Each structure stands twice: as C-alpha cells, then as structure tokens.
Amino acid sequence: MIKVNLDRVLLDKQITSKMLAAEINITPANLSILKTGKAKGIRFETLARICKVLDCQPGDILEYVPE
C-alpha cells in the first residue's frame, strides 16, 4: 500500500492546499483526491512540480507501507 503524506509536508512547509494547487496548476479537487490517497496514480510531471514547490523529495510525500 502507498501512503500519501502530502498533508504533513504541506503543514511543515506552511503552504495551504489551495496555494499548492494554484502553483502546480491542478484543481483543488484533484489535489484533494491525491491527498486522501484515492488517486489511482500520479504523473511524474505532477509529482515533480509538487516537489519543486514544496522543496522536497518524492519519498517525503509517498511512503510504501507493507500490508
């Protein structure tokens, strides 16, 4: 299972979901789907933009949790 830790990173960086969505050019609704772990996938381009804005690594956002 892949756990999405985007809420934690946003809190650490003091950036709101709305601000991030605007910066990476996706809708707040799509960002919400990603944050809740309901997304079936993420484009590397989107992941790269998130990491650039949040100054983090993909591993800071996504975590593998064995079942």
PDB file of N, CA and C in Angstrom:
ATOM      1  N   MET A   1       0.845  -1.182   0.000  1.00  0.00           N
ATOM      2  CA  MET A   1       0.000   0.000   0.000  1.00  0.00           C
ATOM      3  C   MET A   1       0.889   1.244   0.000  1.00  0.00           C
ATOM      4  N   ILE A   2       0.493   2.245  -0.753  1.00  0.00           N
ATOM      5  CA  ILE A   2       1.213   3.516  -0.794  1.00  0.00           C
ATOM      6  C   ILE A   2       0.439   4.533   0.035  1.00  0.00           C
ATOM      7  N   LYS A   3       1.123   5.105   1.009  1.00  0.00           N
ATOM      8  CA  LYS A   3       0.531   6.131   1.871  1.00  0.00           C
ATOM      9  C   LYS A   3       0.984   7.500   1.368  1.00  0.00           C
ATOM     10  N   VAL A   4       0.049   8.435   1.284  1.00  0.00           N
ATOM     11  CA  VAL A   4       0.352   9.791   0.820  1.00  0.00           C
ATOM     12  C   VAL A   4       0.472  10.698   2.044  1.00  0.00           C
ATOM     13  N   ASN A   5       1.650  11.282   2.212  1.00  0.00           N
ATOM     14  CA  ASN A   5       1.934  12.154   3.357  1.00  0.00           C
ATOM     15  C   ASN A   5       1.947  13.633   2.967  1.00  0.00           C
ATOM     16  N   LEU A   6       1.179  13.985   1.959  1.00  0.00           N
ATOM     17  CA  LEU A   6       1.188  15.355   1.460  1.00  0.00           C
ATOM     18  C   LEU A   6       0.695  16.349   2.504  1.00  0.00           C
ATOM     19  N   ASP A   7      -0.307  15.982   3.293  1.00  0.00           N
ATOM     20  CA  ASP A   7      -0.801  16.890   4.343  1.00  0.00           C
ATOM     21  C   ASP A   7       0.313  17.273   5.315  1.00  0.00           C
ATOM     22  N   ARG A   8       1.128  16.288   5.699  1.00  0.00           N
ATOM     23  CA  ARG A   8       2.217  16.540   6.646  1.00  0.00           C
ATOM     24  C   ARG A   8       3.252  17.495   6.046  1.00  0.00           C
ATOM     25  N   VAL A   9       3.585  17.269   4.778  1.00  0.00           N
ATOM     26  CA  VAL A   9       4.577  18.120   4.117  1.00  0.00           C
ATOM     27  C   VAL A   9       4.025  19.536   3.966  1.00  0.00           C
ATOM     28  N   LEU A  10       2.753  19.658   3.592  1.00  0.00           N
ATOM     29  CA  LEU A  10       2.146  20.987   3.485  1.00  0.00           C
ATOM     30  C   LEU A  10       2.179  21.714   4.823  1.00  0.00           C
ATOM     31  N   LEU A  11       1.884  21.007   5.889  1.00  0.00           N
ATOM     32  CA  LEU A  11       1.910  21.602   7.227  1.00  0.00           C
ATOM     33  C   LEU A  11       3.324  22.045   7.601  1.00  0.00           C
ATOM     34  N   ASP A  12       4.301  21.181   7.335  1.00  0.00           N
ATOM     35  CA  ASP A  12       5.697  21.512   7.631  1.00  0.00           C
ATOM     36  C   ASP A  12       6.170  22.746   6.866  1.00  0.00           C
ATOM     37  N   LYS A  13       5.719  22.869   5.617  1.00  0.00           N
ATOM     38  CA  LYS A  13       6.152  23.979   4.749  1.00  0.00           C
ATOM     39  C   LYS A  13       5.248  25.197   4.884  1.00  0.00           C
ATOM     40  N   GLN A  14       4.184  25.066   5.665  1.00  0.00           N
ATOM     41  CA  GLN A  14       3.215  26.143   5.888  1.00  0.00           C
ATOM     42  C   GLN A  14       2.621  26.660   4.576  1.00  0.00           C
ATOM     43  N   ILE A  15       2.193  25.699   3.756  1.00  0.00           N
ATOM     44  CA  ILE A  15       1.557  26.014   2.482  1.00  0.00           C
ATOM     45  C   ILE A  15       0.177  25.355   2.486  1.00  0.00           C
ATOM     46  N   THR A  16      -0.826  26.092   2.053  1.00  0.00           N
ATOM     47  CA  THR A  16      -2.174  25.523   2.012  1.00  0.00           C
ATOM     48  C   THR A  16      -2.357  24.693   0.747  1.00  0.00           C
ATOM     49  N   SER A  17      -3.327  23.820   0.791  1.00  0.00           N
ATOM     50  CA  SER A  17      -3.654  23.000  -0.386  1.00  0.00           C
ATOM     51  C   SER A  17      -4.052  23.891  -1.556  1.00  0.00           C
ATOM     52  N   LYS A  18      -4.788  24.919  -1.266  1.00  0.00           N
ATOM     53  CA  LYS A  18      -5.238  25.840  -2.315  1.00  0.00           C
ATOM     54  C   LYS A  18      -4.049  26.529  -2.986  1.00  0.00           C
ATOM     55  N   MET A  19      -3.080  26.947  -2.177  1.00  0.00           N
ATOM     56  CA  MET A  19      -1.877  27.582  -2.725  1.00  0.00           C
ATOM     57  C   MET A  19      -1.096  26.602  -3.598  1.00  0.00           C
ATOM     58  N   LEU A  20      -0.936  25.365  -3.114  1.00  0.00           N
ATOM     59  CA  LEU A  20      -0.196  24.369  -3.875  1.00  0.00           C
ATOM     60  C   LEU A  20      -0.897  24.062  -5.191  1.00  0.00           C
ATOM     61  N   ALA A  21      -2.202  23.875  -5.146  1.00  0.00           N
ATOM     62  CA  ALA A  21      -2.963  23.581  -6.363  1.00  0.00           C
ATOM     63  C   ALA A  21      -2.754  24.679  -7.405  1.00  0.00           C
ATOM     64  N   ALA A  22      -2.785  25.924  -6.981  1.00  0.00           N
ATOM     65  CA  ALA A  22      -2.579  27.040  -7.901  1.00  0.00           C
ATOM     66  C   ALA A  22      -1.157  27.032  -8.467  1.00  0.00           C
ATOM     67  N   GLU A  23      -0.185  26.744  -7.623  1.00  0.00           N
ATOM     68  CA  GLU A  23       1.232  26.748  -8.045  1.00  0.00           C
ATOM     69  C   GLU A  23       1.535  25.639  -9.048  1.00  0.00           C
ATOM     70  N   ILE A  24       0.906  24.471  -8.882  1.00  0.00           N
ATOM     71  CA  ILE A  24       1.218  23.347  -9.773  1.00  0.00           C
ATOM     72  C   ILE A  24       0.184  23.197 -10.882  1.00  0.00           C
ATOM     73  N   ASN A  25      -0.771  24.110 -10.906  1.00  0.00           N
ATOM     74  CA  ASN A  25      -1.751  24.181 -11.986  1.00  0.00           C
ATOM     75  C   ASN A  25      -2.644  22.932 -12.076  1.00  0.00           C
ATOM     76  N   ILE A  26      -3.180  22.513 -10.932  1.00  0.00           N
ATOM     77  CA  ILE A  26      -4.224  21.485 -10.929  1.00  0.00           C
ATOM     78  C   ILE A  26      -5.386  22.003 -10.084  1.00  0.00           C
ATOM     79  N   THR A  27      -6.525  21.383 -10.223  1.00  0.00           N
ATOM     80  CA  THR A  27      -7.687  21.842  -9.461  1.00  0.00           C
ATOM     81  C   THR A  27      -7.547  21.420  -8.000  1.00  0.00           C
ATOM     82  N   PRO A  28      -8.094  22.210  -7.094  1.00  0.00           N
ATOM     83  CA  PRO A  28      -8.094  21.803  -5.683  1.00  0.00           C
ATOM     84  C   PRO A  28      -8.763  20.436  -5.484  1.00  0.00           C
ATOM     85  N   ALA A  29      -9.777  20.124  -6.291  1.00  0.00           N
ATOM     86  CA  ALA A  29     -10.451  18.831  -6.172  1.00  0.00           C
ATOM     87  C   ALA A  29      -9.501  17.683  -6.512  1.00  0.00           C
ATOM     88  N   ASN A  30      -8.712  17.835  -7.577  1.00  0.00           N
ATOM     89  CA  ASN A  30      -7.748  16.793  -7.942  1.00  0.00           C
ATOM     90  C   ASN A  30      -6.650  16.664  -6.895  1.00  0.00           C
ATOM     91  N   LEU A  31      -6.235  17.773  -6.320  1.00  0.00           N
ATOM     92  CA  LEU A  31      -5.226  17.712  -5.257  1.00  0.00           C
ATOM     93  C   LEU A  31      -5.798  16.998  -4.038  1.00  0.00           C
ATOM     94  N   SER A  32      -7.055  17.236  -3.739  1.00  0.00           N
ATOM     95  CA  SER A  32      -7.712  16.570  -2.621  1.00  0.00           C
ATOM     96  C   SER A  32      -7.759  15.060  -2.828  1.00  0.00           C
ATOM     97  N   ILE A  33      -8.043  14.637  -4.048  1.00  0.00           N
ATOM     98  CA  ILE A  33      -8.060  13.205  -4.366  1.00  0.00           C
ATOM     99  C   ILE A  33      -6.685  12.602  -4.127  1.00  0.00           C
ATOM    100  N   LEU A  34      -5.663  13.319  -4.514  1.00  0.00           N
ATOM    101  CA  LEU A  34      -4.293  12.845  -4.292  1.00  0.00           C
ATOM    102  C   LEU A  34      -3.974  12.783  -2.802  1.00  0.00           C
ATOM    103  N   LYS A  35      -4.320  13.834  -2.077  1.00  0.00           N
ATOM    104  CA  LYS A  35      -4.009  13.909  -0.639  1.00  0.00           C
ATOM    105  C   LYS A  35      -4.680  12.799   0.162  1.00  0.00           C
ATOM    106  N   THR A  36      -5.882  12.432  -0.223  1.00  0.00           N
ATOM    107  CA  THR A  36      -6.613  11.418   0.536  1.00  0.00           C
ATOM    108  C   THR A  36      -6.214  10.000   0.152  1.00  0.00           C
ATOM    109  N   GLY A  37      -5.350   9.861  -0.837  1.00  0.00           N
ATOM    110  CA  GLY A  37      -4.902   8.540  -1.256  1.00  0.00           C
ATOM    111  C   GLY A  37      -5.885   7.830  -2.162  1.00  0.00           C
ATOM    112  N   LYS A  38      -6.864   8.559  -2.673  1.00  0.00           N
ATOM    113  CA  LYS A  38      -7.882   7.947  -3.537  1.00  0.00           C
ATOM    114  C   LYS A  38      -7.472   7.935  -5.007  1.00  0.00           C
ATOM    115  N   ALA A  39      -6.375   8.609  -5.329  1.00  0.00           N
ATOM    116  CA  ALA A  39      -5.898   8.632  -6.714  1.00  0.00           C
ATOM    117  C   ALA A  39      -5.329   7.265  -7.079  1.00  0.00           C
ATOM    118  N   LYS A  40      -5.567   6.844  -8.307  1.00  0.00           N
ATOM    119  CA  LYS A  40      -5.039   5.559  -8.769  1.00  0.00           C
ATOM    120  C   LYS A  40      -3.611   5.710  -9.262  1.00  0.00           C
ATOM    121  N   GLY A  41      -3.170   6.931  -9.471  1.00  0.00           N
ATOM    122  CA  GLY A  41      -1.819   7.175  -9.961  1.00  0.00           C
ATOM    123  C   GLY A  41      -1.526   8.663  -9.959  1.00  0.00           C
ATOM    124  N   ILE A  42      -0.271   8.982 -10.242  1.00  0.00           N
ATOM    125  CA  ILE A  42       0.144  10.383 -10.348  1.00  0.00           C
ATOM    126  C   ILE A  42       1.181  10.468 -11.461  1.00  0.00           C
ATOM    127  N   ARG A  43       1.079  11.471 -12.267  1.00  0.00           N
ATOM    128  CA  ARG A  43       2.062  11.678 -13.331  1.00  0.00           C
ATOM    129  C   ARG A  43       3.370  12.157 -12.709  1.00  0.00           C
ATOM    130  N   PHE A  44       4.463  11.683 -13.283  1.00  0.00           N
ATOM    131  CA  PHE A  44       5.767  12.129 -12.785  1.00  0.00           C
ATOM    132  C   PHE A  44       5.910  13.642 -12.902  1.00  0.00           C
ATOM    133  N   GLU A  45       5.327  14.214 -13.942  1.00  0.00           N
ATOM    134  CA  GLU A  45       5.387  15.661 -14.131  1.00  0.00           C
ATOM    135  C   GLU A  45       4.710  16.390 -12.965  1.00  0.00           C
ATOM    136  N   THR A  46       3.551  15.892 -12.553  1.00  0.00           N
ATOM    137  CA  THR A  46       2.834  16.486 -11.423  1.00  0.00           C
ATOM    138  C   THR A  46       3.626  16.305 -10.134  1.00  0.00           C
ATOM    139  N   LEU A  47       4.163  15.110  -9.934  1.00  0.00           N
ATOM    140  CA  LEU A  47       4.967  14.845  -8.749  1.00  0.00           C
ATOM    141  C   LEU A  47       6.191  15.755  -8.714  1.00  0.00           C
ATOM    142  N   ALA A  48       6.821  15.956  -9.848  1.00  0.00           N
ATOM    143  CA  ALA A  48       7.992  16.836  -9.927  1.00  0.00           C
ATOM    144  C   ALA A  48       7.620  18.281  -9.585  1.00  0.00           C
ATOM    145  N   ARG A  49       6.461  18.741 -10.062  1.00  0.00           N
ATOM    146  CA  ARG A  49       6.040  20.115  -9.754  1.00  0.00           C
ATOM    147  C   ARG A  49       5.747  20.262  -8.262  1.00  0.00           C
ATOM    148  N   ILE A  50       5.112  19.243  -7.658  1.00  0.00           N
ATOM    149  CA  ILE A  50       4.844  19.287  -6.218  1.00  0.00           C
ATOM    150  C   ILE A  50       6.158  19.371  -5.452  1.00  0.00           C
ATOM    151  N   CYS A  51       7.111  18.527  -5.828  1.00  0.00           N
ATOM    152  CA  CYS A  51       8.407  18.510  -5.136  1.00  0.00           C
ATOM    153  C   CYS A  51       9.142  19.832  -5.303  1.00  0.00           C
ATOM    154  N   LYS A  52       9.045  20.435  -6.481  1.00  0.00           N
ATOM    155  CA  LYS A  52       9.705  21.721  -6.711  1.00  0.00           C
ATOM    156  C   LYS A  52       9.115  22.801  -5.808  1.00  0.00           C
ATOM    157  N   VAL A  53       7.791  22.887  -5.781  1.00  0.00           N
ATOM    158  CA  VAL A  53       7.126  23.920  -4.980  1.00  0.00           C
ATOM    159  C   VAL A  53       7.377  23.703  -3.486  1.00  0.00           C
ATOM    160  N   LEU A  54       7.319  22.443  -3.047  1.00  0.00           N
ATOM    161  CA  LEU A  54       7.479  22.142  -1.616  1.00  0.00           C
ATOM    162  C   LEU A  54       8.938  21.934  -1.207  1.00  0.00           C
ATOM    163  N   ASP A  55       9.849  21.980  -2.190  1.00  0.00           N
ATOM    164  CA  ASP A  55      11.280  21.763  -1.933  1.00  0.00           C
ATOM    165  C   ASP A  55      11.484  20.467  -1.143  1.00  0.00           C
ATOM    166  N   CYS A  56      10.996  19.370  -1.726  1.00  0.00           N
ATOM    167  CA  CYS A  56      11.090  18.076  -1.059  1.00  0.00           C
ATOM    168  C   CYS A  56      11.387  16.991  -2.079  1.00  0.00           C
ATOM    169  N   GLN A  57      11.505  15.773  -1.611  1.00  0.00           N
ATOM    170  CA  GLN A  57      11.737  14.610  -2.456  1.00  0.00           C
ATOM    171  C   GLN A  57      10.445  13.783  -2.550  1.00  0.00           C
ATOM    172  N   PRO A  58      10.279  12.990  -3.618  1.00  0.00           N
ATOM    173  CA  PRO A  58       9.076  12.159  -3.729  1.00  0.00           C
ATOM    174  C   PRO A  58       8.857  11.270  -2.497  1.00  0.00           C
ATOM    175  N   GLY A  59       9.930  10.793  -1.901  1.00  0.00           N
ATOM    176  CA  GLY A  59       9.816   9.952  -0.716  1.00  0.00           C
ATOM    177  C   GLY A  59       9.282  10.674   0.513  1.00  0.00           C
ATOM    178  N   ASP A  60       9.321  11.996   0.475  1.00  0.00           N
ATOM    179  CA  ASP A  60       8.732  12.773   1.570  1.00  0.00           C
ATOM    180  C   ASP A  60       7.203  12.767   1.476  1.00  0.00           C
ATOM    181  N   ILE A  61       6.710  12.569   0.258  1.00  0.00           N
ATOM    182  CA  ILE A  61       5.273  12.626   0.001  1.00  0.00           C
ATOM    183  C   ILE A  61       4.642  11.239  -0.042  1.00  0.00           C
ATOM    184  N   LEU A  62       5.363  10.289  -0.657  1.00  0.00           N
ATOM    185  CA  LEU A  62       4.839   8.938  -0.839  1.00  0.00           C
ATOM    186  C   LEU A  62       5.627   7.945   0.007  1.00  0.00           C
ATOM    187  N   GLU A  63       4.918   7.030   0.646  1.00  0.00           N
ATOM    188  CA  GLU A  63       5.553   6.049   1.524  1.00  0.00           C
ATOM    189  C   GLU A  63       4.946   4.670   1.274  1.00  0.00           C
ATOM    190  N   TYR A  64       5.814   3.664   1.133  1.00  0.00           N
ATOM    191  CA  TYR A  64       5.336   2.298   0.984  1.00  0.00           C
ATOM    192  C   TYR A  64       5.112   1.708   2.369  1.00  0.00           C
ATOM    193  N   VAL A  65       3.909   1.193   2.593  1.00  0.00           N
ATOM    194  CA  VAL A  65       3.557   0.566   3.876  1.00  0.00           C
ATOM    195  C   VAL A  65       3.125  -0.857   3.580  1.00  0.00           C
ATOM    196  N   PRO A  66       3.914  -1.860   4.021  1.00  0.00           N
ATOM    197  CA  PRO A  66       3.507  -3.245   3.771  1.00  0.00           C
ATOM    198  C   PRO A  66       2.164  -3.550   4.438  1.00  0.00           C
ATOM    199  N   GLU A  67       1.376  -4.377   3.794  1.00  0.00           N
ATOM    200  CA  GLU A  67       0.053  -4.717   4.345  1.00  0.00           C
ATOM    201  C   GLU A  67       0.155  -5.751   5.432  1.00  0.00           C
TER     202      GLU A  67
END
